[in-house]
Amino acid sequence: MMTLERSLEQRHEALARANEIRITRAVVKKRVARGEVPYDSLLTLGRWDPLFSSMKVREALETMPSIGPIKAAQILQRARISPSRTMGSLLPMQWDRLFEAMDRYPSIQQRLSDARATVSAP
């Protein structure tokens, strides 16, 4: 099996890109946790923004206030979505099931924005 070797410049570009993604995600996650941006902004960004499309849905849920690892796992199980799925890989019906599962929790439902309609749109 032949492997492709990357040049030093290509590796540096890939590392710079990965750092940009990590920094952007960290900033948005902190803003969500502090309530500065809509509660579900990571979910609405996830499908369309290349910086967030590779982020796991579980990670985005756990970032939201009042959703920890256990509640995130329950939401994903109820929505029939694997914890390893990324936001960019979810189908429209999976987005619908995810928001339906989140709607079952009053503490989450009241914090969801109207932007979620744009997530499942084709």
Protein backbone atom coordinates (compact mmCIF):
# COMPACT_ATOMS: atom_id res chain seq x y z
CA MET A 1 0.00 0.00 0.00
CA MET A 2 1.41 3.35 -1.01
CA THR A 3 1.13 6.26 1.40
CA LEU A 4 1.28 9.89 0.40
CA GLU A 5 3.94 11.93 2.09
CA ARG A 6 3.06 15.48 3.00
CA SER A 7 5.56 18.24 2.68
CA LEU A 8 6.56 20.21 5.73
CA GLU A 9 4.57 23.17 4.42
CA GLN A 10 1.44 21.04 3.99
CA ARG A 11 1.76 19.73 7.53
CA HIS A 12 2.15 23.27 8.89
CA GLU A 13 -0.95 24.39 6.95
CA ALA A 14 -2.94 21.44 8.31
CA LEU A 15 -1.83 22.21 11.87
CA ALA A 16 -2.70 25.89 11.46
CA ARG A 17 -6.14 24.96 10.14
CA ALA A 18 -6.73 22.52 13.01
CA ASN A 19 -5.70 25.17 15.55
CA GLU A 20 -8.05 27.69 13.95
CA ILE A 21 -10.91 25.22 14.26
CA ARG A 22 -10.10 24.41 17.91
CA ILE A 23 -9.80 28.08 18.88
CA THR A 24 -13.04 29.05 17.14
CA ARG A 25 -14.92 26.16 18.74
CA ALA A 26 -13.55 27.00 22.18
CA VAL A 27 -14.62 30.65 21.88
CA VAL A 28 -18.15 29.73 20.77
CA LYS A 29 -18.45 27.03 23.44
CA LYS A 30 -17.49 29.54 26.15
CA ARG A 31 -19.99 32.07 24.80
CA VAL A 32 -22.74 29.41 24.83
CA ALA A 33 -21.86 28.41 28.39
CA ARG A 34 -22.00 32.06 29.52
CA GLY A 35 -25.33 32.62 27.75
CA GLU A 36 -23.96 35.27 25.37
CA VAL A 37 -25.20 33.49 22.25
CA PRO A 38 -28.32 31.37 21.68
CA TYR A 39 -28.38 28.14 23.59
CA ASP A 40 -28.42 26.02 20.46
CA SER A 41 -26.06 28.11 18.32
CA LEU A 42 -23.55 25.26 18.05
CA LEU A 43 -26.26 23.05 16.61
CA THR A 44 -27.40 25.67 14.12
CA LEU A 45 -23.81 26.34 13.05
CA GLY A 46 -22.89 22.68 12.87
CA ARG A 47 -24.56 21.72 9.67
CA TRP A 48 -23.46 24.67 7.58
CA ASP A 49 -20.19 25.96 9.00
CA PRO A 50 -17.11 23.89 8.08
CA LEU A 51 -15.49 24.85 11.39
CA PHE A 52 -18.26 23.05 13.28
CA SER A 53 -19.43 20.31 10.90
CA SER A 54 -16.80 17.86 12.17
CA MET A 55 -17.75 18.48 15.81
CA LYS A 56 -19.57 15.62 17.50
CA VAL A 57 -23.23 16.25 18.34
CA ARG A 58 -22.58 14.91 21.84
CA GLU A 59 -19.89 17.53 22.41
CA ALA A 60 -22.21 20.32 21.24
CA LEU A 61 -24.98 19.13 23.57
CA GLU A 62 -22.64 18.88 26.56
CA THR A 63 -21.55 22.48 26.00
CA MET A 64 -25.07 23.74 26.64
CA PRO A 65 -25.90 24.77 30.21
CA SER A 66 -27.96 22.16 32.07
CA ILE A 67 -26.93 19.37 29.69
CA GLY A 68 -24.19 17.14 30.96
CA PRO A 69 -22.88 13.82 29.70
CA ILE A 70 -25.82 11.82 31.04
CA LYS A 71 -28.56 14.05 29.64
CA ALA A 72 -26.68 14.34 26.33
CA ALA A 73 -26.55 10.54 26.11
CA GLN A 74 -30.28 10.32 26.90
CA ILE A 75 -31.13 12.89 24.21
CA LEU A 76 -29.02 11.11 21.61
CA GLN A 77 -30.48 7.73 22.54
CA ARG A 78 -34.02 9.08 22.34
CA ALA A 79 -33.23 10.65 18.95
CA ARG A 80 -31.62 7.39 17.80
CA ILE A 81 -28.33 9.12 16.96
CA SER A 82 -24.95 7.55 17.62
CA PRO A 83 -22.78 9.49 20.10
CA SER A 84 -19.96 9.40 17.56
CA ARG A 85 -21.93 11.22 14.83
CA THR A 86 -20.71 14.59 13.73
CA MET A 87 -23.01 17.53 13.13
CA GLY A 88 -22.14 17.68 9.46
CA SER A 89 -23.13 14.05 8.96
CA LEU A 90 -26.67 14.25 10.36
CA LEU A 91 -29.57 13.94 7.94
CA PRO A 92 -32.56 16.33 8.11
CA MET A 93 -34.74 13.70 9.79
CA GLN A 94 -32.04 13.16 12.41
CA TRP A 95 -31.96 16.91 13.15
CA ASP A 96 -35.74 16.81 13.57
CA ARG A 97 -35.50 13.85 15.96
CA LEU A 98 -32.73 15.58 17.90
CA PHE A 99 -34.79 18.72 18.47
CA GLU A 100 -37.87 16.63 19.31
CA ALA A 101 -35.81 14.79 21.93
CA MET A 102 -34.55 18.10 23.32
CA ASP A 103 -38.12 19.45 23.45
CA ARG A 104 -38.96 16.77 26.03
CA TYR A 105 -36.90 18.66 28.59
CA PRO A 106 -38.66 21.90 29.65
CA SER A 107 -35.40 23.44 30.88
CA ILE A 108 -33.94 22.98 27.40
CA GLN A 109 -37.05 23.72 25.38
CA GLN A 110 -37.46 27.24 26.74
CA ARG A 111 -33.87 28.09 25.79
CA LEU A 112 -33.99 26.88 22.19
CA SER A 113 -33.99 29.58 19.53
CA ASP A 114 -36.11 29.84 16.41
CA ALA A 115 -32.96 29.26 14.37
CA ARG A 116 -33.39 25.51 14.57
CA ALA A 117 -35.76 25.62 11.63
CA THR A 118 -32.75 26.45 9.46
CA VAL A 119 -30.85 23.38 10.63
CA SER A 120 -33.12 20.76 9.10
CA ALA A 121 -33.86 22.77 5.96
CA PRO A 122 -32.40 21.18 2.79
